[in-house]
Amino acid sequence: MIVVPQASGLTPAATAALAQAKTAASSVPGVADKARTAAEDFEAVYLNSMMQQMFSGLGEGPFGGGPAAGVWRSFLVDEYAKSFAKSGGIGIADHVQRALLAQQEVR
């Protein structure tokens, strides 16, 4: 089953393209799942980049400073980004998934 995000705010042409992509993806097993996974991974990378900038100005924080604090902070930020993307993120994954499915239909 393909989960289609809410189409609120989309133009009629975009809604029609989304429906066509959904139909095309449903004919090939696993395409929609792979597209969603790739879209969430892309969003996680974007969020990681954003959060690295946010956390770069922090002092010692919960890690107590030292040479390993930066390494642990990067691990923590990476997990935050993955968690945010999996739980809905900021909406980038939905758009990327639609674009990936539309590209599959063109081929």
Protein backbone atom coordinates (compact mmCIF):
# COMPACT_ATOMS: atom_id res chain seq x y z
CA MET A 1 0.00 0.00 0.00
CA ILE A 2 1.30 3.44 -0.89
CA VAL A 3 0.83 6.20 1.62
CA VAL A 4 0.20 9.51 -0.09
CA PRO A 5 0.75 12.67 1.94
CA GLN A 6 -2.05 15.17 2.22
CA ALA A 7 -2.45 17.05 -1.04
CA SER A 8 -3.39 20.32 0.64
CA GLY A 9 -1.80 23.32 -0.99
CA LEU A 10 -1.02 21.49 -4.25
CA THR A 11 -2.17 22.75 -7.59
CA PRO A 12 -4.57 20.54 -9.55
CA ALA A 13 -1.75 19.66 -11.96
CA ALA A 14 0.52 18.62 -9.08
CA THR A 15 -2.27 16.56 -7.55
CA ALA A 16 -2.84 14.82 -10.90
CA ALA A 17 0.90 14.16 -11.28
CA LEU A 18 1.00 12.71 -7.78
CA ALA A 19 -1.91 10.40 -8.58
CA GLN A 20 -0.20 9.27 -11.78
CA ALA A 21 3.06 8.62 -9.94
CA LYS A 22 1.17 6.65 -7.31
CA THR A 23 -0.47 4.50 -10.00
CA ALA A 24 2.84 3.90 -11.79
CA ALA A 25 4.64 3.06 -8.56
CA SER A 26 1.93 0.65 -7.48
CA SER A 27 2.55 -1.42 -10.61
CA VAL A 28 6.17 -2.08 -9.60
CA PRO A 29 6.53 -3.73 -6.19
CA GLY A 30 8.79 -1.98 -3.71
CA VAL A 31 9.36 1.20 -5.72
CA ALA A 32 7.32 3.39 -3.39
CA ASP A 33 9.02 1.92 -0.31
CA LYS A 34 12.48 2.47 -1.78
CA ALA A 35 11.53 6.02 -2.79
CA ARG A 36 10.29 6.77 0.73
CA THR A 37 13.45 5.36 2.30
CA ALA A 38 15.67 7.39 -0.04
CA ALA A 39 13.60 10.52 0.62
CA GLU A 40 13.86 10.10 4.41
CA ASP A 41 17.62 9.50 4.11
CA PHE A 42 17.96 12.69 2.07
CA GLU A 43 15.98 14.66 4.63
CA ALA A 44 18.10 13.20 7.45
CA VAL A 45 21.29 14.36 5.70
CA TYR A 46 19.83 17.85 5.26
CA LEU A 47 18.69 18.01 8.89
CA ASN A 48 22.09 16.74 10.04
CA SER A 49 23.79 19.56 8.16
CA MET A 50 21.42 22.12 9.69
CA MET A 51 21.80 20.76 13.21
CA GLN A 52 25.60 20.53 12.99
CA GLN A 53 25.57 24.29 12.48
CA MET A 54 23.21 24.78 15.41
CA PHE A 55 25.28 22.67 17.78
CA SER A 56 28.68 24.02 16.66
CA GLY A 57 28.47 27.07 18.93
CA LEU A 58 27.76 25.13 22.11
CA GLY A 59 30.29 24.96 24.87
CA GLU A 60 31.04 21.79 26.78
CA GLY A 61 27.40 20.78 27.14
CA PRO A 62 26.51 17.34 28.44
CA PHE A 63 29.77 15.80 27.16
CA GLY A 64 32.08 17.55 29.59
CA GLY A 65 34.49 18.86 26.95
CA GLY A 66 37.70 17.15 25.94
CA PRO A 67 38.82 15.85 22.57
CA ALA A 68 36.06 13.27 22.21
CA ALA A 69 33.19 15.71 22.83
CA GLY A 70 33.03 16.74 19.17
CA VAL A 71 32.86 13.13 18.03
CA TRP A 72 30.06 12.27 20.43
CA ARG A 73 28.20 15.46 19.58
CA SER A 74 28.30 14.56 15.87
CA PHE A 75 26.90 11.09 16.68
CA LEU A 76 24.13 12.65 18.74
CA VAL A 77 23.23 15.15 16.03
CA ASP A 78 23.20 12.38 13.41
CA GLU A 79 20.75 10.35 15.49
CA TYR A 80 18.59 13.42 16.12
CA ALA A 81 18.42 14.05 12.36
CA LYS A 82 17.50 10.44 11.59
CA SER A 83 14.85 10.44 14.30
CA PHE A 84 13.32 13.71 13.08
CA ALA A 85 13.22 12.50 9.47
CA LYS A 86 11.58 9.19 10.45
CA SER A 87 8.89 10.91 12.51
CA GLY A 88 7.77 13.26 9.75
CA GLY A 89 10.64 15.72 9.54
CA ILE A 90 10.05 19.14 8.07
CA GLY A 91 8.34 18.02 4.87
CA ILE A 92 11.30 17.61 2.55
CA ALA A 93 10.92 13.82 2.33
CA ASP A 94 7.36 14.11 0.99
CA HIS A 95 8.47 16.36 -1.86
CA VAL A 96 11.53 14.25 -2.64
CA GLN A 97 9.41 11.08 -2.68
CA ARG A 98 6.96 12.64 -5.12
CA ALA A 99 9.82 13.75 -7.35
CA LEU A 100 11.43 10.30 -7.28
CA LEU A 101 8.15 8.60 -8.14
CA ALA A 102 7.51 11.08 -10.96
CA GLN A 103 11.00 10.42 -12.34
CA GLN A 104 10.31 6.69 -12.30
CA GLU A 105 7.16 7.26 -14.32
CA VAL A 106 9.04 9.27 -16.96
CA ARG A 107 11.52 6.45 -17.56
